[in-house]
């Protein structure tokens, strides 16, 4: 690697340290603190390795999936994590994150920066088998966290089961097996009072 490219790569790697300071709604399972976005990204990248056999498409490019999962939330460095169920905040999410993607990936050598931006856009578009599976894992991990942490990070938002299903049903596009598992988790969470039954939930 040219010395100038190495410098750019190291500057990028220093910049993305900031993802460790972006905190999510979810808490770590002992409830002691909120989860950060870097931890979330690591967790779902590991999920891709562990749950690869659950993909309906058995011919995925797994390096592509893993890269998407490791970089997909880097765009939160400037604007923070946007809560999935906050309709108002989500109106400006795409614009803010695209600007961050161009800034941060633009720190890299041109070819690598273009690859990362393309992978991020692919993940957001959810149009390829790899991006659908990556997005499925991104959606599944919070469900498992809510149950394991007894809803400590989410219960205060009074989210209904029907809202959760609406946001998470795309999991089935990549893995029917994981969606069946996910629905089971959602039902367990409802029975524990983490999500509200539709008839008792407040209007969004």
C-alpha atoms as a PDB file:
ATOM      1  CA  UNK A   1       0.000   0.000   0.000  1.00  0.00           C
ATOM      2  CA  UNK A   2       1.287   3.475  -0.838  1.00  0.00           C
ATOM      3  CA  UNK A   3       2.192   5.524   2.210  1.00  0.00           C
ATOM      4  CA  UNK A   4      -0.397   8.153   1.290  1.00  0.00           C
ATOM      5  CA  UNK A   5      -3.124   5.476   1.100  1.00  0.00           C
ATOM      6  CA  UNK A   6      -2.017   3.994   4.412  1.00  0.00           C
ATOM      7  CA  UNK A   7      -2.336   7.405   6.042  1.00  0.00           C
ATOM      8  CA  UNK A   8      -5.851   7.820   4.634  1.00  0.00           C
ATOM      9  CA  UNK A   9      -6.869   4.352   5.840  1.00  0.00           C
ATOM     10  CA  UNK A  10      -5.556   5.017   9.334  1.00  0.00           C
ATOM     11  CA  UNK A  11      -7.329   8.383   9.462  1.00  0.00           C
ATOM     12  CA  UNK A  12     -10.557   6.601   8.490  1.00  0.00           C
ATOM     13  CA  UNK A  13     -10.016   3.924  11.157  1.00  0.00           C
ATOM     14  CA  UNK A  14      -9.454   6.630  13.760  1.00  0.00           C
ATOM     15  CA  UNK A  15     -12.599   8.472  12.646  1.00  0.00           C
ATOM     16  CA  UNK A  16     -14.782   5.380  12.975  1.00  0.00           C
ATOM     17  CA  UNK A  17     -13.683   5.034  16.624  1.00  0.00           C
ATOM     18  CA  UNK A  18     -16.497   7.564  17.123  1.00  0.00           C
ATOM     19  CA  UNK A  19     -19.040   4.797  16.482  1.00  0.00           C
ATOM     20  CA  UNK A  20     -18.178   3.469  19.936  1.00  0.00           C
ATOM     21  CA  UNK A  21     -19.702   6.679  21.325  1.00  0.00           C
ATOM     22  CA  UNK A  22     -23.014   6.404  19.437  1.00  0.00           C
ATOM     23  CA  UNK A  23     -25.528   4.909  21.832  1.00  0.00           C
ATOM     24  CA  UNK A  24     -28.673   3.031  20.872  1.00  0.00           C
ATOM     25  CA  UNK A  25     -32.019   2.602  22.624  1.00  0.00           C
ATOM     26  CA  UNK A  26     -31.140  -0.965  23.584  1.00  0.00           C
ATOM     27  CA  UNK A  27     -29.179  -1.820  26.706  1.00  0.00           C
ATOM     28  CA  UNK A  28     -26.612  -4.537  27.302  1.00  0.00           C
ATOM     29  CA  UNK A  29     -28.314  -7.575  28.779  1.00  0.00           C
ATOM     30  CA  UNK A  30     -27.422  -6.867  32.415  1.00  0.00           C
ATOM     31  CA  UNK A  31     -29.088  -3.457  32.062  1.00  0.00           C
ATOM     32  CA  UNK A  32     -25.982  -1.610  33.222  1.00  0.00           C
ATOM     33  CA  UNK A  33     -25.658   0.698  30.205  1.00  0.00           C
ATOM     34  CA  UNK A  34     -26.866   1.343  26.689  1.00  0.00           C
ATOM     35  CA  UNK A  35     -25.445  -0.605  23.771  1.00  0.00           C
ATOM     36  CA  UNK A  36     -23.316   1.344  21.323  1.00  0.00           C
ATOM     37  CA  UNK A  37     -23.474   1.064  17.545  1.00  0.00           C
ATOM     38  CA  UNK A  38     -20.005  -0.455  17.208  1.00  0.00           C
ATOM     39  CA  UNK A  39     -21.052  -3.321  19.483  1.00  0.00           C
ATOM     40  CA  UNK A  40     -24.229  -3.789  17.489  1.00  0.00           C
ATOM     41  CA  UNK A  41     -22.265  -3.955  14.225  1.00  0.00           C
ATOM     42  CA  UNK A  42     -19.846  -6.533  15.650  1.00  0.00           C
ATOM     43  CA  UNK A  43     -22.731  -8.626  16.964  1.00  0.00           C
ATOM     44  CA  UNK A  44     -24.597  -8.859  13.675  1.00  0.00           C
ATOM     45  CA  UNK A  45     -21.388  -9.569  11.734  1.00  0.00           C
ATOM     46  CA  UNK A  46     -20.882 -12.526  14.078  1.00  0.00           C
ATOM     47  CA  UNK A  47     -24.516 -13.507  13.534  1.00  0.00           C
ATOM     48  CA  UNK A  48     -23.814 -13.722   9.786  1.00  0.00           C
ATOM     49  CA  UNK A  49     -21.071 -16.270  10.448  1.00  0.00           C
ATOM     50  CA  UNK A  50     -23.113 -18.296  12.940  1.00  0.00           C
ATOM     51  CA  UNK A  51     -26.463 -18.194  11.101  1.00  0.00           C
ATOM     52  CA  UNK A  52     -25.263 -18.541   7.505  1.00  0.00           C
ATOM     53  CA  UNK A  53     -27.136 -21.826   7.070  1.00  0.00           C
ATOM     54  CA  UNK A  54     -30.421 -20.044   7.811  1.00  0.00           C
ATOM     55  CA  UNK A  55     -30.313 -18.053   4.584  1.00  0.00           C
ATOM     56  CA  UNK A  56     -32.890 -19.131   1.995  1.00  0.00           C
ATOM     57  CA  UNK A  57     -30.287 -18.337  -0.668  1.00  0.00           C
ATOM     58  CA  UNK A  58     -27.353 -20.706  -0.231  1.00  0.00           C
ATOM     59  CA  UNK A  59     -25.110 -18.931  -2.740  1.00  0.00           C
ATOM     60  CA  UNK A  60     -24.528 -15.639  -0.970  1.00  0.00           C
ATOM     61  CA  UNK A  61     -21.243 -13.769  -1.161  1.00  0.00           C
ATOM     62  CA  UNK A  62     -20.478 -13.944   2.566  1.00  0.00           C
ATOM     63  CA  UNK A  63     -17.595 -11.490   2.474  1.00  0.00           C
ATOM     64  CA  UNK A  64     -19.991  -8.964   0.946  1.00  0.00           C
ATOM     65  CA  UNK A  65     -22.580  -9.625   3.664  1.00  0.00           C
ATOM     66  CA  UNK A  66     -19.982  -9.242   6.420  1.00  0.00           C
ATOM     67  CA  UNK A  67     -18.592  -6.021   4.975  1.00  0.00           C
ATOM     68  CA  UNK A  68     -22.096  -4.534   4.804  1.00  0.00           C
ATOM     69  CA  UNK A  69     -22.749  -5.400   8.423  1.00  0.00           C
ATOM     70  CA  UNK A  70     -19.465  -3.956   9.642  1.00  0.00           C
ATOM     71  CA  UNK A  71     -19.919  -0.619   7.850  1.00  0.00           C
ATOM     72  CA  UNK A  72     -23.704  -0.135   7.755  1.00  0.00           C
ATOM     73  CA  UNK A  73     -23.906   2.009  10.899  1.00  0.00           C
ATOM     74  CA  UNK A  74     -20.749   4.064  10.388  1.00  0.00           C
ATOM     75  CA  UNK A  75     -23.102   6.694   8.951  1.00  0.00           C
ATOM     76  CA  UNK A  76     -24.419   7.289  12.489  1.00  0.00           C
ATOM     77  CA  UNK A  77     -21.187   9.041  13.484  1.00  0.00           C
ATOM     78  CA  UNK A  78     -22.513  12.504  12.595  1.00  0.00           C
ATOM     79  CA  UNK A  79     -26.236  12.196  13.322  1.00  0.00           C
ATOM     80  CA  UNK A  80     -26.454   9.452  15.929  1.00  0.00           C
ATOM     81  CA  UNK A  81     -28.718   6.423  15.936  1.00  0.00           C
ATOM     82  CA  UNK A  82     -32.242   7.154  14.695  1.00  0.00           C
ATOM     83  CA  UNK A  83     -34.856   5.273  16.688  1.00  0.00           C
ATOM     84  CA  UNK A  84     -36.711   2.922  14.335  1.00  0.00           C
ATOM     85  CA  UNK A  85     -40.139   3.862  15.683  1.00  0.00           C
ATOM     86  CA  UNK A  86     -39.622   7.645  15.673  1.00  0.00           C
ATOM     87  CA  UNK A  87     -41.512   8.669  12.537  1.00  0.00           C
ATOM     88  CA  UNK A  88     -40.484  12.326  12.737  1.00  0.00           C
ATOM     89  CA  UNK A  89     -36.764  11.637  13.139  1.00  0.00           C
ATOM     90  CA  UNK A  90     -36.833   9.140  10.276  1.00  0.00           C
ATOM     91  CA  UNK A  91     -37.986  11.828   7.836  1.00  0.00           C
ATOM     92  CA  UNK A  92     -34.464  13.291   7.671  1.00  0.00           C
ATOM     93  CA  UNK A  93     -32.503  10.109   8.388  1.00  0.00           C
ATOM     94  CA  UNK A  94     -31.696   9.185   4.774  1.00  0.00           C
ATOM     95  CA  UNK A  95     -30.394  12.632   3.868  1.00  0.00           C
ATOM     96  CA  UNK A  96     -28.248  12.923   7.002  1.00  0.00           C
ATOM     97  CA  UNK A  97     -26.792   9.451   6.663  1.00  0.00           C
ATOM     98  CA  UNK A  98     -25.980   9.835   2.965  1.00  0.00           C
ATOM     99  CA  UNK A  99     -24.018  12.999   3.719  1.00  0.00           C
ATOM    100  CA  UNK A 100     -22.106  11.174   6.453  1.00  0.00           C
ATOM    101  CA  UNK A 101     -21.443   8.194   4.159  1.00  0.00           C
ATOM    102  CA  UNK A 102     -19.924  10.456   1.524  1.00  0.00           C
ATOM    103  CA  UNK A 103     -17.804  12.283   4.100  1.00  0.00           C
ATOM    104  CA  UNK A 104     -16.491   9.289   6.030  1.00  0.00           C
ATOM    105  CA  UNK A 105     -16.014   6.835   3.144  1.00  0.00           C
ATOM    106  CA  UNK A 106     -14.468   9.714   1.215  1.00  0.00           C
ATOM    107  CA  UNK A 107     -11.603   9.661   3.707  1.00  0.00           C
ATOM    108  CA  UNK A 108     -10.444   6.337   2.258  1.00  0.00           C
ATOM    109  CA  UNK A 109      -8.386   5.813  -0.900  1.00  0.00           C
ATOM    110  CA  UNK A 110     -10.688   6.336  -3.869  1.00  0.00           C
ATOM    111  CA  UNK A 111     -11.278   2.704  -4.881  1.00  0.00           C
ATOM    112  CA  UNK A 112     -11.938   1.458  -1.349  1.00  0.00           C
ATOM    113  CA  UNK A 113     -14.091   4.470  -0.493  1.00  0.00           C
ATOM    114  CA  UNK A 114     -16.222   3.894  -3.585  1.00  0.00           C
ATOM    115  CA  UNK A 115     -16.611   0.211  -2.661  1.00  0.00           C
ATOM    116  CA  UNK A 116     -17.773   1.037   0.855  1.00  0.00           C
ATOM    117  CA  UNK A 117     -20.222   3.669  -0.355  1.00  0.00           C
ATOM    118  CA  UNK A 118     -21.623   1.210  -2.898  1.00  0.00           C
ATOM    119  CA  UNK A 119     -21.993  -1.489  -0.232  1.00  0.00           C
ATOM    120  CA  UNK A 120     -23.730   0.927   2.126  1.00  0.00           C
ATOM    121  CA  UNK A 121     -26.168   2.009  -0.598  1.00  0.00           C
ATOM    122  CA  UNK A 122     -26.816  -1.645  -1.451  1.00  0.00           C
ATOM    123  CA  UNK A 123     -27.590  -2.375   2.200  1.00  0.00           C
ATOM    124  CA  UNK A 124     -29.995   0.559   2.394  1.00  0.00           C
ATOM    125  CA  UNK A 125     -31.705  -0.403  -0.865  1.00  0.00           C
ATOM    126  CA  UNK A 126     -32.204  -4.018   0.270  1.00  0.00           C
ATOM    127  CA  UNK A 127     -32.493  -5.220  -3.333  1.00  0.00           C
ATOM    128  CA  UNK A 128     -29.876  -7.997  -3.490  1.00  0.00           C
ATOM    129  CA  UNK A 129     -29.856 -11.359  -1.690  1.00  0.00           C
ATOM    130  CA  UNK A 130     -26.807 -10.269   0.317  1.00  0.00           C
ATOM    131  CA  UNK A 131     -28.346  -6.988   1.420  1.00  0.00           C
ATOM    132  CA  UNK A 132     -31.630  -8.669   2.319  1.00  0.00           C
ATOM    133  CA  UNK A 133     -29.875 -11.167   4.565  1.00  0.00           C
ATOM    134  CA  UNK A 134     -27.707  -8.468   6.130  1.00  0.00           C
ATOM    135  CA  UNK A 135     -30.793  -6.349   6.808  1.00  0.00           C
ATOM    136  CA  UNK A 136     -32.588  -9.362   8.262  1.00  0.00           C
ATOM    137  CA  UNK A 137     -29.832  -9.832  10.848  1.00  0.00           C
ATOM    138  CA  UNK A 138     -29.805  -6.101  11.585  1.00  0.00           C
ATOM    139  CA  UNK A 139     -33.513  -6.372  12.395  1.00  0.00           C
ATOM    140  CA  UNK A 140     -33.302  -9.636  14.311  1.00  0.00           C
ATOM    141  CA  UNK A 141     -30.595  -8.624  16.777  1.00  0.00           C
ATOM    142  CA  UNK A 142     -32.700  -5.963  18.554  1.00  0.00           C
ATOM    143  CA  UNK A 143     -35.506  -8.499  19.026  1.00  0.00           C
ATOM    144  CA  UNK A 144     -33.161 -10.911  20.782  1.00  0.00           C
ATOM    145  CA  UNK A 145     -31.730  -8.042  22.833  1.00  0.00           C
ATOM    146  CA  UNK A 146     -35.161  -6.861  23.975  1.00  0.00           C
ATOM    147  CA  UNK A 147     -36.023 -10.315  25.238  1.00  0.00           C
ATOM    148  CA  UNK A 148     -32.628 -11.005  26.854  1.00  0.00           C
ATOM    149  CA  UNK A 149     -32.568  -7.607  28.599  1.00  0.00           C
ATOM    150  CA  UNK A 150     -36.222  -7.920  29.649  1.00  0.00           C
ATOM    151  CA  UNK A 151     -37.043  -4.867  27.582  1.00  0.00           C
ATOM    152  CA  UNK A 152     -35.097  -2.415  29.719  1.00  0.00           C
ATOM    153  CA  UNK A 153     -34.172  -0.239  26.762  1.00  0.00           C
ATOM    154  CA  UNK A 154     -37.436  -0.387  24.833  1.00  0.00           C
ATOM    155  CA  UNK A 155     -40.356  -0.867  27.209  1.00  0.00           C
ATOM    156  CA  UNK A 156     -40.662   2.844  28.031  1.00  0.00           C
ATOM    157  CA  UNK A 157     -41.504   3.587  24.384  1.00  0.00           C
ATOM    158  CA  UNK A 158     -44.735   1.549  24.576  1.00  0.00           C
ATOM    159  CA  UNK A 159     -44.251  -0.121  21.193  1.00  0.00           C
ATOM    160  CA  UNK A 160     -47.005  -2.486  20.066  1.00  0.00           C
ATOM    161  CA  UNK A 161     -46.519  -5.986  18.730  1.00  0.00           C
ATOM    162  CA  UNK A 162     -48.122  -4.950  15.440  1.00  0.00           C
ATOM    163  CA  UNK A 163     -45.624  -2.089  15.055  1.00  0.00           C
ATOM    164  CA  UNK A 164     -42.737  -4.481  15.625  1.00  0.00           C
ATOM    165  CA  UNK A 165     -44.068  -7.007  13.122  1.00  0.00           C
ATOM    166  CA  UNK A 166     -44.553  -4.291  10.502  1.00  0.00           C
ATOM    167  CA  UNK A 167     -40.933  -3.143  10.867  1.00  0.00           C
ATOM    168  CA  UNK A 168     -39.439  -6.617  11.035  1.00  0.00           C
ATOM    169  CA  UNK A 169     -41.460  -8.675   8.544  1.00  0.00           C
ATOM    170  CA  UNK A 170     -38.859  -8.114   5.805  1.00  0.00           C
ATOM    171  CA  UNK A 171     -36.731 -10.732   7.609  1.00  0.00           C
ATOM    172  CA  UNK A 172     -38.850 -13.323   5.762  1.00  0.00           C
ATOM    173  CA  UNK A 173     -37.492 -12.053   2.416  1.00  0.00           C
ATOM    174  CA  UNK A 174     -34.090 -13.492   3.352  1.00  0.00           C
ATOM    175  CA  UNK A 175     -34.915 -16.329   5.722  1.00  0.00           C
ATOM    176  CA  UNK A 176     -38.285 -17.861   6.455  1.00  0.00           C
ATOM    177  CA  UNK A 177     -36.630 -19.811   9.262  1.00  0.00           C
ATOM    178  CA  UNK A 178     -35.318 -16.684  10.992  1.00  0.00           C
ATOM    179  CA  UNK A 179     -38.654 -14.909  10.582  1.00  0.00           C
ATOM    180  CA  UNK A 180     -40.498 -17.792  12.258  1.00  0.00           C
ATOM    181  CA  UNK A 181     -37.954 -17.639  15.056  1.00  0.00           C
ATOM    182  CA  UNK A 182     -38.305 -13.857  15.229  1.00  0.00           C
ATOM    183  CA  UNK A 183     -42.088 -14.048  15.487  1.00  0.00           C
ATOM    184  CA  UNK A 184     -41.672 -16.419  18.408  1.00  0.00           C
ATOM    185  CA  UNK A 185     -39.426 -13.908  20.157  1.00  0.00           C
ATOM    186  CA  UNK A 186     -41.952 -11.130  19.508  1.00  0.00           C
ATOM    187  CA  UNK A 187     -44.737 -13.165  21.067  1.00  0.00           C
ATOM    188  CA  UNK A 188     -42.595 -13.987  24.118  1.00  0.00           C
ATOM    189  CA  UNK A 189     -41.769 -10.314  24.500  1.00  0.00           C
ATOM    190  CA  UNK A 190     -45.456  -9.391  24.326  1.00  0.00           C
ATOM    191  CA  UNK A 191     -46.273 -11.955  27.005  1.00  0.00           C
ATOM    192  CA  UNK A 192     -43.613 -10.352  29.238  1.00  0.00           C
ATOM    193  CA  UNK A 193     -45.093  -6.885  28.673  1.00  0.00           C
ATOM    194  CA  UNK A 194     -42.126  -5.650  26.615  1.00  0.00           C
ATOM    195  CA  UNK A 195     -44.422  -4.933  23.647  1.00  0.00           C
ATOM    196  CA  UNK A 196     -48.058  -3.967  24.008  1.00  0.00           C
ATOM    197  CA  UNK A 197     -50.893  -6.018  22.492  1.00  0.00           C
ATOM    198  CA  UNK A 198     -52.314  -4.068  19.517  1.00  0.00           C
ATOM    199  CA  UNK A 199     -55.607  -3.331  21.224  1.00  0.00           C
ATOM    200  CA  UNK A 200     -53.904  -1.637  24.197  1.00  0.00           C
ATOM    201  CA  UNK A 201     -51.188   0.281  22.371  1.00  0.00           C
ATOM    202  CA  UNK A 202     -51.424   4.077  22.044  1.00  0.00           C
ATOM    203  CA  UNK A 203     -51.760   5.559  18.578  1.00  0.00           C
ATOM    204  CA  UNK A 204     -48.333   6.166  16.970  1.00  0.00           C
END
